């Protein structure tokens, strides 16, 4: 007799809310790895302190640190008011990409909480040491005290983007890559997304930006900013290698419809040009995956990556127009993107839930 299929989040009334849903907290992992940020760890720490200072007036920050010594060092660099809103967790990690290896939070029909614990294989088995961070959601279970679902397939938080109204946006380059789930068809992967994210419609873009070692994460190219509105990164220089890739994604977005069959409003964001300029033995850093689309929507603020490019001001102005009730906080992420990601990649939102 066949084993009964395990109950999925969708079957139990859970779904992944949109990022603008009220947050209980933002999860971060304190940066430390000199291989991730060659010669820039101190600068990246300063970026984290800026993010934490912007977030804590509006929500808690849950910060993973390796030990008590690290906690004390962070506390010493924060104001008393900021430190009072940080919940430190002594949990040893390899790296800081909690968007991709951390809990994928869900809410239920009665606003109760749960989370998905996807398999993290370091972006298609690229970095063996970083696979150890796959254990973080399970290790957080006693702290979170929420139901944990284990879908059993490889998935990263940066590869999925939801509107909270039945749709998930992703890319073929990432989710259909044989280095993730080679034994699953597109239809089977779509069913996992529906079962574990509580969505009814999967929207597929093509490729991600040049230099992205995640194989095309969605959070560098297109983001929901409302249930019916998507911002899309567009390269304005036809000679740039990103031009055709992003034009294809823009054309796809313009032909898409939401779960009710209505067209989306598409807002374009320019790109910040070429950021990078060196090459190491393990990583090509001549073209880093710098994108303004890697912003993070929090309670009352939006943390926006900028890169010292003339387009910075245009992007901040555009985001402010579409987030009138949130303050846009531009943060210079040139040091951070040397680790191959920026603000959205290192954050993970925990939605506000009922505690009854």
C-alpha atoms as a PDB file:
ATOM      1  CA  UNK A   1       0.000   0.000   0.000  1.00  0.00           C
ATOM      2  CA  UNK A   2       1.390   3.421  -0.999  1.00  0.00           C
ATOM      3  CA  UNK A   3       2.419   5.773   1.760  1.00  0.00           C
ATOM      4  CA  UNK A   4       0.007   8.689   2.162  1.00  0.00           C
ATOM      5  CA  UNK A   5       1.376  11.906   0.716  1.00  0.00           C
ATOM      6  CA  UNK A   6       2.604  14.294   3.398  1.00  0.00           C
ATOM      7  CA  UNK A   7       0.391  17.290   3.950  1.00  0.00           C
ATOM      8  CA  UNK A   8       1.738  20.356   2.158  1.00  0.00           C
ATOM      9  CA  UNK A   9       1.553  23.968   3.307  1.00  0.00           C
ATOM     10  CA  UNK A  10      -1.027  24.789   0.634  1.00  0.00           C
ATOM     11  CA  UNK A  11      -3.271  21.895   1.691  1.00  0.00           C
ATOM     12  CA  UNK A  12      -3.151  23.249   5.254  1.00  0.00           C
ATOM     13  CA  UNK A  13      -3.977  26.812   4.226  1.00  0.00           C
ATOM     14  CA  UNK A  14      -0.456  28.283   4.324  1.00  0.00           C
ATOM     15  CA  UNK A  15       1.118  30.589   1.760  1.00  0.00           C
ATOM     16  CA  UNK A  16       4.221  32.747   1.412  1.00  0.00           C
ATOM     17  CA  UNK A  17       3.163  36.373   1.875  1.00  0.00           C
ATOM     18  CA  UNK A  18       4.500  39.225  -0.231  1.00  0.00           C
ATOM     19  CA  UNK A  19       7.542  41.004   1.157  1.00  0.00           C
ATOM     20  CA  UNK A  20       5.511  44.110   2.000  1.00  0.00           C
ATOM     21  CA  UNK A  21       3.301  42.103   4.377  1.00  0.00           C
ATOM     22  CA  UNK A  22       3.982  43.434   7.913  1.00  0.00           C
ATOM     23  CA  UNK A  23       7.167  41.969   9.359  1.00  0.00           C
ATOM     24  CA  UNK A  24       7.854  40.684  12.817  1.00  0.00           C
ATOM     25  CA  UNK A  25      11.574  40.797  12.082  1.00  0.00           C
ATOM     26  CA  UNK A  26      14.366  40.660   9.537  1.00  0.00           C
ATOM     27  CA  UNK A  27      16.890  37.813   9.781  1.00  0.00           C
ATOM     28  CA  UNK A  28      20.558  38.455   9.041  1.00  0.00           C
ATOM     29  CA  UNK A  29      23.814  36.510   9.428  1.00  0.00           C
ATOM     30  CA  UNK A  30      26.789  38.634  10.514  1.00  0.00           C
ATOM     31  CA  UNK A  31      29.428  38.755   7.720  1.00  0.00           C
ATOM     32  CA  UNK A  32      32.912  37.356   8.277  1.00  0.00           C
ATOM     33  CA  UNK A  33      34.246  35.360   5.314  1.00  0.00           C
ATOM     34  CA  UNK A  34      37.326  36.997   3.674  1.00  0.00           C
ATOM     35  CA  UNK A  35      36.944  34.704   0.671  1.00  0.00           C
ATOM     36  CA  UNK A  36      33.443  36.051   0.082  1.00  0.00           C
ATOM     37  CA  UNK A  37      34.481  39.687   0.490  1.00  0.00           C
ATOM     38  CA  UNK A  38      38.216  39.837  -0.355  1.00  0.00           C
ATOM     39  CA  UNK A  39      39.739  42.756   1.545  1.00  0.00           C
ATOM     40  CA  UNK A  40      36.275  44.167   2.269  1.00  0.00           C
ATOM     41  CA  UNK A  41      34.874  42.416   5.358  1.00  0.00           C
ATOM     42  CA  UNK A  42      35.206  45.567   7.489  1.00  0.00           C
ATOM     43  CA  UNK A  43      33.331  47.617   4.862  1.00  0.00           C
ATOM     44  CA  UNK A  44      30.629  44.958   4.654  1.00  0.00           C
ATOM     45  CA  UNK A  45      30.247  45.016   8.440  1.00  0.00           C
ATOM     46  CA  UNK A  46      29.575  48.760   8.172  1.00  0.00           C
ATOM     47  CA  UNK A  47      26.881  48.072   5.571  1.00  0.00           C
ATOM     48  CA  UNK A  48      25.253  45.607   7.960  1.00  0.00           C
ATOM     49  CA  UNK A  49      25.307  48.210  10.734  1.00  0.00           C
ATOM     50  CA  UNK A  50      23.594  50.680   8.373  1.00  0.00           C
ATOM     51  CA  UNK A  51      20.922  48.107   7.516  1.00  0.00           C
ATOM     52  CA  UNK A  52      20.336  47.231  11.166  1.00  0.00           C
ATOM     53  CA  UNK A  53      20.097  50.907  12.173  1.00  0.00           C
ATOM     54  CA  UNK A  54      17.503  51.522   9.429  1.00  0.00           C
ATOM     55  CA  UNK A  55      15.433  48.431  10.317  1.00  0.00           C
ATOM     56  CA  UNK A  56      15.334  48.427  14.114  1.00  0.00           C
ATOM     57  CA  UNK A  57      13.063  51.458  14.604  1.00  0.00           C
ATOM     58  CA  UNK A  58      10.368  49.529  12.721  1.00  0.00           C
ATOM     59  CA  UNK A  59      10.932  45.821  13.389  1.00  0.00           C
ATOM     60  CA  UNK A  60      13.213  43.448  15.269  1.00  0.00           C
ATOM     61  CA  UNK A  61      16.428  42.148  13.725  1.00  0.00           C
ATOM     62  CA  UNK A  62      17.249  38.482  14.396  1.00  0.00           C
ATOM     63  CA  UNK A  63      21.003  38.243  13.949  1.00  0.00           C
ATOM     64  CA  UNK A  64      22.968  35.005  13.678  1.00  0.00           C
ATOM     65  CA  UNK A  65      26.474  35.293  15.147  1.00  0.00           C
ATOM     66  CA  UNK A  66      29.033  32.567  15.742  1.00  0.00           C
ATOM     67  CA  UNK A  67      29.578  33.232  19.438  1.00  0.00           C
ATOM     68  CA  UNK A  68      29.236  35.573  22.436  1.00  0.00           C
ATOM     69  CA  UNK A  69      32.428  37.411  21.498  1.00  0.00           C
ATOM     70  CA  UNK A  70      30.971  38.388  18.119  1.00  0.00           C
ATOM     71  CA  UNK A  71      27.732  39.465  19.791  1.00  0.00           C
ATOM     72  CA  UNK A  72      29.625  41.794  22.124  1.00  0.00           C
ATOM     73  CA  UNK A  73      31.576  43.313  19.229  1.00  0.00           C
ATOM     74  CA  UNK A  74      28.346  44.028  17.337  1.00  0.00           C
ATOM     75  CA  UNK A  75      26.634  45.465  20.422  1.00  0.00           C
ATOM     76  CA  UNK A  76      29.568  47.802  20.980  1.00  0.00           C
ATOM     77  CA  UNK A  77      29.118  49.248  17.484  1.00  0.00           C
ATOM     78  CA  UNK A  78      25.359  49.884  17.849  1.00  0.00           C
ATOM     79  CA  UNK A  79      23.469  52.536  19.776  1.00  0.00           C
ATOM     80  CA  UNK A  80      21.669  51.335  22.901  1.00  0.00           C
ATOM     81  CA  UNK A  81      18.308  51.784  21.173  1.00  0.00           C
ATOM     82  CA  UNK A  82      19.429  49.741  18.174  1.00  0.00           C
ATOM     83  CA  UNK A  83      21.011  46.967  20.263  1.00  0.00           C
ATOM     84  CA  UNK A  84      17.784  46.634  22.270  1.00  0.00           C
ATOM     85  CA  UNK A  85      15.958  45.658  19.079  1.00  0.00           C
ATOM     86  CA  UNK A  86      18.472  42.986  17.979  1.00  0.00           C
ATOM     87  CA  UNK A  87      17.833  39.391  19.014  1.00  0.00           C
ATOM     88  CA  UNK A  88      21.182  37.598  18.866  1.00  0.00           C
ATOM     89  CA  UNK A  89      21.380  33.876  18.142  1.00  0.00           C
ATOM     90  CA  UNK A  90      24.672  32.021  18.663  1.00  0.00           C
ATOM     91  CA  UNK A  91      24.586  29.710  15.680  1.00  0.00           C
ATOM     92  CA  UNK A  92      27.734  28.961  13.742  1.00  0.00           C
ATOM     93  CA  UNK A  93      27.425  29.539   9.996  1.00  0.00           C
ATOM     94  CA  UNK A  94      29.760  29.423   7.021  1.00  0.00           C
ATOM     95  CA  UNK A  95      28.504  32.501   5.191  1.00  0.00           C
ATOM     96  CA  UNK A  96      25.844  35.207   5.203  1.00  0.00           C
ATOM     97  CA  UNK A  97      23.365  34.315   2.421  1.00  0.00           C
ATOM     98  CA  UNK A  98      20.385  33.725   4.700  1.00  0.00           C
ATOM     99  CA  UNK A  99      17.942  34.599   1.899  1.00  0.00           C
ATOM    100  CA  UNK A 100      19.015  31.405   0.174  1.00  0.00           C
ATOM    101  CA  UNK A 101      19.624  28.956   3.032  1.00  0.00           C
ATOM    102  CA  UNK A 102      17.396  30.373   5.752  1.00  0.00           C
ATOM    103  CA  UNK A 103      13.771  29.642   6.660  1.00  0.00           C
ATOM    104  CA  UNK A 104      11.211  30.495   3.977  1.00  0.00           C
ATOM    105  CA  UNK A 105       8.407  31.872   6.156  1.00  0.00           C
ATOM    106  CA  UNK A 106       4.713  31.198   5.578  1.00  0.00           C
ATOM    107  CA  UNK A 107       1.446  32.372   7.097  1.00  0.00           C
ATOM    108  CA  UNK A 108      -1.770  30.403   7.517  1.00  0.00           C
ATOM    109  CA  UNK A 109      -5.457  31.110   7.112  1.00  0.00           C
ATOM    110  CA  UNK A 110      -5.658  32.308  10.740  1.00  0.00           C
ATOM    111  CA  UNK A 111      -2.388  34.259  10.474  1.00  0.00           C
ATOM    112  CA  UNK A 112      -0.394  31.504  12.177  1.00  0.00           C
ATOM    113  CA  UNK A 113       3.231  30.933  11.164  1.00  0.00           C
ATOM    114  CA  UNK A 114       5.268  28.114   9.604  1.00  0.00           C
ATOM    115  CA  UNK A 115       8.312  27.818   7.360  1.00  0.00           C
ATOM    116  CA  UNK A 116       9.783  25.821   4.502  1.00  0.00           C
ATOM    117  CA  UNK A 117      13.204  24.209   4.864  1.00  0.00           C
ATOM    118  CA  UNK A 118      14.342  23.778   1.244  1.00  0.00           C
ATOM    119  CA  UNK A 119      17.539  21.927   0.337  1.00  0.00           C
ATOM    120  CA  UNK A 120      20.462  24.336  -0.161  1.00  0.00           C
ATOM    121  CA  UNK A 121      23.238  22.959  -2.381  1.00  0.00           C
ATOM    122  CA  UNK A 122      25.282  26.185  -2.701  1.00  0.00           C
ATOM    123  CA  UNK A 123      23.826  27.290  -6.032  1.00  0.00           C
ATOM    124  CA  UNK A 124      24.282  24.089  -7.959  1.00  0.00           C
ATOM    125  CA  UNK A 125      27.218  22.574  -6.015  1.00  0.00           C
ATOM    126  CA  UNK A 126      29.524  25.540  -6.688  1.00  0.00           C
ATOM    127  CA  UNK A 127      30.929  25.963  -3.160  1.00  0.00           C
ATOM    128  CA  UNK A 128      31.274  22.758  -1.183  1.00  0.00           C
ATOM    129  CA  UNK A 129      31.992  24.417   2.178  1.00  0.00           C
ATOM    130  CA  UNK A 130      28.878  26.605   1.954  1.00  0.00           C
ATOM    131  CA  UNK A 131      26.590  23.578   1.745  1.00  0.00           C
ATOM    132  CA  UNK A 132      26.946  23.272   5.527  1.00  0.00           C
ATOM    133  CA  UNK A 133      24.537  26.213   5.880  1.00  0.00           C
ATOM    134  CA  UNK A 134      21.765  23.929   4.596  1.00  0.00           C
ATOM    135  CA  UNK A 135      21.280  22.884   8.244  1.00  0.00           C
ATOM    136  CA  UNK A 136      20.346  26.377   9.482  1.00  0.00           C
ATOM    137  CA  UNK A 137      16.509  26.132   9.179  1.00  0.00           C
ATOM    138  CA  UNK A 138      16.466  22.842  11.105  1.00  0.00           C
ATOM    139  CA  UNK A 139      18.776  24.290  13.749  1.00  0.00           C
ATOM    140  CA  UNK A 140      16.461  27.299  14.067  1.00  0.00           C
ATOM    141  CA  UNK A 141      13.355  25.161  14.619  1.00  0.00           C
ATOM    142  CA  UNK A 142      13.675  25.140  18.459  1.00  0.00           C
ATOM    143  CA  UNK A 143      14.101  28.932  18.409  1.00  0.00           C
ATOM    144  CA  UNK A 144      11.266  29.655  16.003  1.00  0.00           C
ATOM    145  CA  UNK A 145       8.828  27.158  17.559  1.00  0.00           C
ATOM    146  CA  UNK A 146       6.918  27.009  14.270  1.00  0.00           C
ATOM    147  CA  UNK A 147       5.954  24.047  12.049  1.00  0.00           C
ATOM    148  CA  UNK A 148       8.767  23.184   9.623  1.00  0.00           C
ATOM    149  CA  UNK A 149       8.004  21.772   6.175  1.00  0.00           C
ATOM    150  CA  UNK A 150      10.756  19.924   4.279  1.00  0.00           C
ATOM    151  CA  UNK A 151       9.911  19.863   0.542  1.00  0.00           C
ATOM    152  CA  UNK A 152      13.029  17.785  -0.219  1.00  0.00           C
ATOM    153  CA  UNK A 153      14.053  19.665  -3.360  1.00  0.00           C
ATOM    154  CA  UNK A 154      16.765  22.259  -3.976  1.00  0.00           C
ATOM    155  CA  UNK A 155      15.497  25.834  -3.826  1.00  0.00           C
ATOM    156  CA  UNK A 156      16.907  29.205  -2.801  1.00  0.00           C
ATOM    157  CA  UNK A 157      14.964  32.157  -1.452  1.00  0.00           C
ATOM    158  CA  UNK A 158      16.497  34.507  -4.007  1.00  0.00           C
ATOM    159  CA  UNK A 159      15.116  32.408  -6.856  1.00  0.00           C
ATOM    160  CA  UNK A 160      11.433  32.994  -5.999  1.00  0.00           C
ATOM    161  CA  UNK A 161       9.375  36.183  -5.784  1.00  0.00           C
ATOM    162  CA  UNK A 162       5.692  36.194  -4.764  1.00  0.00           C
ATOM    163  CA  UNK A 163       2.948  38.799  -4.945  1.00  0.00           C
ATOM    164  CA  UNK A 164       0.899  37.351  -2.063  1.00  0.00           C
ATOM    165  CA  UNK A 165      -2.034  36.966  -4.442  1.00  0.00           C
ATOM    166  CA  UNK A 166      -1.399  33.603  -6.077  1.00  0.00           C
ATOM    167  CA  UNK A 167       1.667  34.253  -8.265  1.00  0.00           C
ATOM    168  CA  UNK A 168       5.327  33.308  -8.040  1.00  0.00           C
ATOM    169  CA  UNK A 169       7.937  34.725 -10.414  1.00  0.00           C
ATOM    170  CA  UNK A 170      11.130  32.789 -11.162  1.00  0.00           C
ATOM    171  CA  UNK A 171      13.611  31.980 -13.949  1.00  0.00           C
ATOM    172  CA  UNK A 172      14.181  29.027 -16.230  1.00  0.00           C
ATOM    173  CA  UNK A 173      17.960  29.452 -15.925  1.00  0.00           C
ATOM    174  CA  UNK A 174      17.827  28.733 -12.202  1.00  0.00           C
ATOM    175  CA  UNK A 175      14.915  26.419 -11.418  1.00  0.00           C
ATOM    176  CA  UNK A 176      15.271  24.294 -14.562  1.00  0.00           C
ATOM    177  CA  UNK A 177      19.056  24.066 -14.244  1.00  0.00           C
ATOM    178  CA  UNK A 178      20.268  20.428 -14.099  1.00  0.00           C
ATOM    179  CA  UNK A 179      22.542  21.393 -11.178  1.00  0.00           C
ATOM    180  CA  UNK A 180      19.459  21.852  -8.956  1.00  0.00           C
ATOM    181  CA  UNK A 181      16.773  19.187  -9.446  1.00  0.00           C
ATOM    182  CA  UNK A 182      17.766  17.189 -12.544  1.00  0.00           C
ATOM    183  CA  UNK A 183      15.134  14.480 -12.033  1.00  0.00           C
ATOM    184  CA  UNK A 184      12.162  16.858 -12.030  1.00  0.00           C
ATOM    185  CA  UNK A 185      10.306  18.240 -15.021  1.00  0.00           C
ATOM    186  CA  UNK A 186       9.131  21.847 -15.268  1.00  0.00           C
ATOM    187  CA  UNK A 187       5.606  20.687 -14.471  1.00  0.00           C
ATOM    188  CA  UNK A 188       6.780  18.843 -11.359  1.00  0.00           C
ATOM    189  CA  UNK A 189       8.752  21.861 -10.136  1.00  0.00           C
ATOM    190  CA  UNK A 190       5.705  24.061 -10.690  1.00  0.00           C
ATOM    191  CA  UNK A 191       3.667  21.672  -8.526  1.00  0.00           C
ATOM    192  CA  UNK A 192       6.210  21.957  -5.711  1.00  0.00           C
ATOM    193  CA  UNK A 193       5.961  25.747  -5.885  1.00  0.00           C
ATOM    194  CA  UNK A 194       2.190  25.569  -5.726  1.00  0.00           C
ATOM    195  CA  UNK A 195       2.183  23.044  -2.884  1.00  0.00           C
ATOM    196  CA  UNK A 196       4.813  24.746  -0.720  1.00  0.00           C
ATOM    197  CA  UNK A 197       4.312  28.450  -1.478  1.00  0.00           C
ATOM    198  CA  UNK A 198       0.534  28.358  -1.703  1.00  0.00           C
ATOM    199  CA  UNK A 199       0.479  29.902  -5.186  1.00  0.00           C
ATOM    200  CA  UNK A 200      -1.726  29.021  -8.133  1.00  0.00           C
ATOM    201  CA  UNK A 201       0.319  30.445 -11.018  1.00  0.00           C
ATOM    202  CA  UNK A 202       4.032  30.212 -11.874  1.00  0.00           C
ATOM    203  CA  UNK A 203       5.510  32.973 -14.061  1.00  0.00           C
ATOM    204  CA  UNK A 204       8.751  32.135 -15.879  1.00  0.00           C
ATOM    205  CA  UNK A 205      11.417  34.596 -16.988  1.00  0.00           C
ATOM    206  CA  UNK A 206      14.472  33.458 -18.959  1.00  0.00           C
ATOM    207  CA  UNK A 207      17.971  34.309 -17.768  1.00  0.00           C
ATOM    208  CA  UNK A 208      19.510  36.390 -15.018  1.00  0.00           C
ATOM    209  CA  UNK A 209      22.176  39.047 -15.285  1.00  0.00           C
ATOM    210  CA  UNK A 210      25.786  38.545 -16.356  1.00  0.00           C
ATOM    211  CA  UNK A 211      28.135  37.681 -13.474  1.00  0.00           C
ATOM    212  CA  UNK A 212      25.449  36.105 -11.305  1.00  0.00           C
ATOM    213  CA  UNK A 213      26.849  32.872  -9.853  1.00  0.00           C
ATOM    214  CA  UNK A 214      23.371  31.806  -8.684  1.00  0.00           C
ATOM    215  CA  UNK A 215      22.308  30.962 -12.268  1.00  0.00           C
ATOM    216  CA  UNK A 216      19.786  33.719 -12.646  1.00  0.00           C
ATOM    217  CA  UNK A 217      18.131  34.596  -9.356  1.00  0.00           C
ATOM    218  CA  UNK A 218      14.933  36.555  -9.824  1.00  0.00           C
ATOM    219  CA  UNK A 219      15.794  39.113  -7.131  1.00  0.00           C
ATOM    220  CA  UNK A 220      18.370  40.741  -9.412  1.00  0.00           C
ATOM    221  CA  UNK A 221      16.005  41.191 -12.363  1.00  0.00           C
ATOM    222  CA  UNK A 222      12.307  41.533 -11.442  1.00  0.00           C
ATOM    223  CA  UNK A 223      10.415  42.195  -8.214  1.00  0.00           C
ATOM    224  CA  UNK A 224       6.798  42.573  -7.187  1.00  0.00           C
ATOM    225  CA  UNK A 225       6.089  45.928  -5.529  1.00  0.00           C
ATOM    226  CA  UNK A 226       2.307  45.420  -5.386  1.00  0.00           C
ATOM    227  CA  UNK A 227       0.039  42.478  -6.268  1.00  0.00           C
ATOM    228  CA  UNK A 228      -0.418  43.880  -9.798  1.00  0.00           C
ATOM    229  CA  UNK A 229       2.905  45.705 -10.261  1.00  0.00           C
ATOM    230  CA  UNK A 230       6.411  44.493 -11.120  1.00  0.00           C
ATOM    231  CA  UNK A 231       9.683  46.420 -11.341  1.00  0.00           C
ATOM    232  CA  UNK A 232      12.020  45.071 -13.990  1.00  0.00           C
ATOM    233  CA  UNK A 233      15.724  45.769 -14.461  1.00  0.00           C
ATOM    234  CA  UNK A 234      16.547  47.052 -17.955  1.00  0.00           C
ATOM    235  CA  UNK A 235      19.964  47.775 -19.445  1.00  0.00           C
ATOM    236  CA  UNK A 236      19.894  50.941 -21.573  1.00  0.00           C
ATOM    237  CA  UNK A 237      23.164  50.342 -23.463  1.00  0.00           C
ATOM    238  CA  UNK A 238      22.499  48.048 -26.455  1.00  0.00           C
ATOM    239  CA  UNK A 239      26.186  47.030 -26.490  1.00  0.00           C
ATOM    240  CA  UNK A 240      26.044  45.727 -22.912  1.00  0.00           C
ATOM    241  CA  UNK A 241      25.769  41.897 -22.550  1.00  0.00           C
ATOM    242  CA  UNK A 242      22.778  42.372 -20.238  1.00  0.00           C
ATOM    243  CA  UNK A 243      20.784  44.292 -22.855  1.00  0.00           C
ATOM    244  CA  UNK A 244      19.247  41.387 -24.797  1.00  0.00           C
ATOM    245  CA  UNK A 245      18.743  39.229 -21.674  1.00  0.00           C
ATOM    246  CA  UNK A 246      16.779  41.941 -19.895  1.00  0.00           C
ATOM    247  CA  UNK A 247      14.817  42.938 -22.999  1.00  0.00           C
ATOM    248  CA  UNK A 248      13.637  39.337 -23.311  1.00  0.00           C
ATOM    249  CA  UNK A 249      12.513  39.322 -19.679  1.00  0.00           C
ATOM    250  CA  UNK A 250      10.737  42.667 -20.132  1.00  0.00           C
ATOM    251  CA  UNK A 251       8.845  41.330 -23.160  1.00  0.00           C
ATOM    252  CA  UNK A 252       7.799  38.238 -21.208  1.00  0.00           C
ATOM    253  CA  UNK A 253       6.574  40.343 -18.268  1.00  0.00           C
ATOM    254  CA  UNK A 254       4.484  42.536 -20.564  1.00  0.00           C
ATOM    255  CA  UNK A 255       2.669  39.477 -21.887  1.00  0.00           C
ATOM    256  CA  UNK A 256       2.017  37.907 -18.459  1.00  0.00           C
ATOM    257  CA  UNK A 257      -1.175  37.968 -16.447  1.00  0.00           C
ATOM    258  CA  UNK A 258      -1.860  37.497 -12.753  1.00  0.00           C
ATOM    259  CA  UNK A 259      -3.843  34.695 -11.105  1.00  0.00           C
ATOM    260  CA  UNK A 260      -7.098  36.404 -12.134  1.00  0.00           C
ATOM    261  CA  UNK A 261      -5.973  36.893 -15.736  1.00  0.00           C
ATOM    262  CA  UNK A 262      -5.222  40.617 -15.505  1.00  0.00           C
ATOM    263  CA  UNK A 263      -2.104  42.234 -16.984  1.00  0.00           C
ATOM    264  CA  UNK A 264       0.604  43.557 -14.672  1.00  0.00           C
ATOM    265  CA  UNK A 265       1.799  47.135 -14.575  1.00  0.00           C
ATOM    266  CA  UNK A 266       5.515  47.047 -15.408  1.00  0.00           C
ATOM    267  CA  UNK A 267       7.935  49.654 -14.064  1.00  0.00           C
ATOM    268  CA  UNK A 268      11.521  49.662 -15.387  1.00  0.00           C
ATOM    269  CA  UNK A 269      14.686  50.290 -13.390  1.00  0.00           C
ATOM    270  CA  UNK A 270      17.996  51.071 -15.117  1.00  0.00           C
ATOM    271  CA  UNK A 271      21.170  49.130 -14.380  1.00  0.00           C
ATOM    272  CA  UNK A 272      24.270  50.518 -12.594  1.00  0.00           C
ATOM    273  CA  UNK A 273      26.759  49.709 -15.361  1.00  0.00           C
ATOM    274  CA  UNK A 274      29.778  47.472 -14.870  1.00  0.00           C
ATOM    275  CA  UNK A 275      30.853  46.974 -11.248  1.00  0.00           C
ATOM    276  CA  UNK A 276      33.957  44.866 -10.688  1.00  0.00           C
ATOM    277  CA  UNK A 277      37.312  44.692 -12.346  1.00  0.00           C
ATOM    278  CA  UNK A 278      39.419  41.790 -11.154  1.00  0.00           C
ATOM    279  CA  UNK A 279      39.672  38.034 -11.382  1.00  0.00           C
ATOM    280  CA  UNK A 280      40.729  35.471  -8.767  1.00  0.00           C
ATOM    281  CA  UNK A 281      41.600  31.803  -8.997  1.00  0.00           C
ATOM    282  CA  UNK A 282      38.114  30.751  -7.900  1.00  0.00           C
ATOM    283  CA  UNK A 283      35.792  33.502  -9.054  1.00  0.00           C
ATOM    284  CA  UNK A 284      35.566  35.845 -12.021  1.00  0.00           C
ATOM    285  CA  UNK A 285      34.992  39.255 -10.466  1.00  0.00           C
ATOM    286  CA  UNK A 286      35.336  41.293 -13.652  1.00  0.00           C
ATOM    287  CA  UNK A 287      31.558  41.675 -13.883  1.00  0.00           C
ATOM    288  CA  UNK A 288      29.770  41.550 -10.538  1.00  0.00           C
ATOM    289  CA  UNK A 289      25.976  41.013 -10.339  1.00  0.00           C
ATOM    290  CA  UNK A 290      25.187  44.606  -9.387  1.00  0.00           C
ATOM    291  CA  UNK A 291      21.490  45.424  -9.731  1.00  0.00           C
ATOM    292  CA  UNK A 292      19.148  47.984  -8.247  1.00  0.00           C
ATOM    293  CA  UNK A 293      16.417  45.318  -8.184  1.00  0.00           C
ATOM    294  CA  UNK A 294      18.059  43.724  -5.138  1.00  0.00           C
ATOM    295  CA  UNK A 295      16.270  46.056  -2.713  1.00  0.00           C
ATOM    296  CA  UNK A 296      14.519  44.886   0.455  1.00  0.00           C
ATOM    297  CA  UNK A 297      11.000  45.943   1.488  1.00  0.00           C
ATOM    298  CA  UNK A 298      10.704  46.274   5.276  1.00  0.00           C
ATOM    299  CA  UNK A 299       8.273  47.922   7.681  1.00  0.00           C
ATOM    300  CA  UNK A 300       8.245  51.669   6.864  1.00  0.00           C
ATOM    301  CA  UNK A 301      11.537  51.539   4.909  1.00  0.00           C
ATOM    302  CA  UNK A 302      12.982  50.112   1.696  1.00  0.00           C
ATOM    303  CA  UNK A 303      16.712  49.364   1.776  1.00  0.00           C
ATOM    304  CA  UNK A 304      18.025  50.156  -1.706  1.00  0.00           C
ATOM    305  CA  UNK A 305      21.460  49.179  -3.046  1.00  0.00           C
ATOM    306  CA  UNK A 306      23.359  51.952  -4.827  1.00  0.00           C
ATOM    307  CA  UNK A 307      26.768  51.811  -6.464  1.00  0.00           C
ATOM    308  CA  UNK A 308      28.104  55.351  -6.941  1.00  0.00           C
ATOM    309  CA  UNK A 309      26.604  55.474 -10.445  1.00  0.00           C
ATOM    310  CA  UNK A 310      24.647  58.359 -12.020  1.00  0.00           C
ATOM    311  CA  UNK A 311      21.575  56.094 -12.113  1.00  0.00           C
ATOM    312  CA  UNK A 312      21.521  55.858  -8.291  1.00  0.00           C
ATOM    313  CA  UNK A 313      19.410  59.015  -7.893  1.00  0.00           C
ATOM    314  CA  UNK A 314      16.945  57.962 -10.617  1.00  0.00           C
ATOM    315  CA  UNK A 315      16.367  54.630  -8.919  1.00  0.00           C
ATOM    316  CA  UNK A 316      15.843  56.122  -5.462  1.00  0.00           C
ATOM    317  CA  UNK A 317      13.347  58.592  -6.942  1.00  0.00           C
ATOM    318  CA  UNK A 318      11.484  55.813  -8.780  1.00  0.00           C
ATOM    319  CA  UNK A 319      11.275  53.580  -5.722  1.00  0.00           C
ATOM    320  CA  UNK A 320      10.106  56.479  -3.541  1.00  0.00           C
ATOM    321  CA  UNK A 321       7.294  57.173  -6.014  1.00  0.00           C
ATOM    322  CA  UNK A 322       5.996  53.614  -5.736  1.00  0.00           C
ATOM    323  CA  UNK A 323       6.568  53.258  -1.983  1.00  0.00           C
ATOM    324  CA  UNK A 324       4.996  56.521  -0.758  1.00  0.00           C
ATOM    325  CA  UNK A 325       4.499  55.231   2.798  1.00  0.00           C
ATOM    326  CA  UNK A 326       8.060  53.922   3.165  1.00  0.00           C
ATOM    327  CA  UNK A 327      11.335  55.832   3.375  1.00  0.00           C
ATOM    328  CA  UNK A 328      13.899  54.763   0.771  1.00  0.00           C
ATOM    329  CA  UNK A 329      17.276  54.180   2.434  1.00  0.00           C
ATOM    330  CA  UNK A 330      20.076  54.102  -0.178  1.00  0.00           C
ATOM    331  CA  UNK A 331      23.106  52.084   0.932  1.00  0.00           C
ATOM    332  CA  UNK A 332      26.356  51.972  -1.040  1.00  0.00           C
ATOM    333  CA  UNK A 333      26.690  48.262  -1.826  1.00  0.00           C
ATOM    334  CA  UNK A 334      29.818  48.263  -3.975  1.00  0.00           C
ATOM    335  CA  UNK A 335      31.763  46.426  -1.204  1.00  0.00           C
ATOM    336  CA  UNK A 336      28.854  44.024  -0.582  1.00  0.00           C
ATOM    337  CA  UNK A 337      28.415  42.974  -4.223  1.00  0.00           C
ATOM    338  CA  UNK A 338      31.985  41.614  -4.263  1.00  0.00           C
ATOM    339  CA  UNK A 339      30.380  38.686  -2.438  1.00  0.00           C
ATOM    340  CA  UNK A 340      28.094  38.216  -5.507  1.00  0.00           C
ATOM    341  CA  UNK A 341      24.945  39.656  -3.950  1.00  0.00           C
ATOM    342  CA  UNK A 342      23.577  42.675  -2.112  1.00  0.00           C
ATOM    343  CA  UNK A 343      20.789  43.648   0.291  1.00  0.00           C
ATOM    344  CA  UNK A 344      17.992  41.274  -0.681  1.00  0.00           C
ATOM    345  CA  UNK A 345      20.421  38.347  -0.830  1.00  0.00           C
ATOM    346  CA  UNK A 346      21.508  38.787   2.801  1.00  0.00           C
ATOM    347  CA  UNK A 347      18.075  39.447   4.352  1.00  0.00           C
ATOM    348  CA  UNK A 348      15.123  37.189   5.157  1.00  0.00           C
ATOM    349  CA  UNK A 349      11.765  38.547   6.278  1.00  0.00           C
ATOM    350  CA  UNK A 350       9.677  36.929   9.011  1.00  0.00           C
ATOM    351  CA  UNK A 351       6.048  38.046   8.679  1.00  0.00           C
ATOM    352  CA  UNK A 352       3.994  39.244  11.593  1.00  0.00           C
ATOM    353  CA  UNK A 353       1.832  36.353  12.808  1.00  0.00           C
ATOM    354  CA  UNK A 354      -0.878  35.766  15.369  1.00  0.00           C
ATOM    355  CA  UNK A 355       0.438  34.516  18.721  1.00  0.00           C
ATOM    356  CA  UNK A 356      -2.950  33.267  19.980  1.00  0.00           C
END
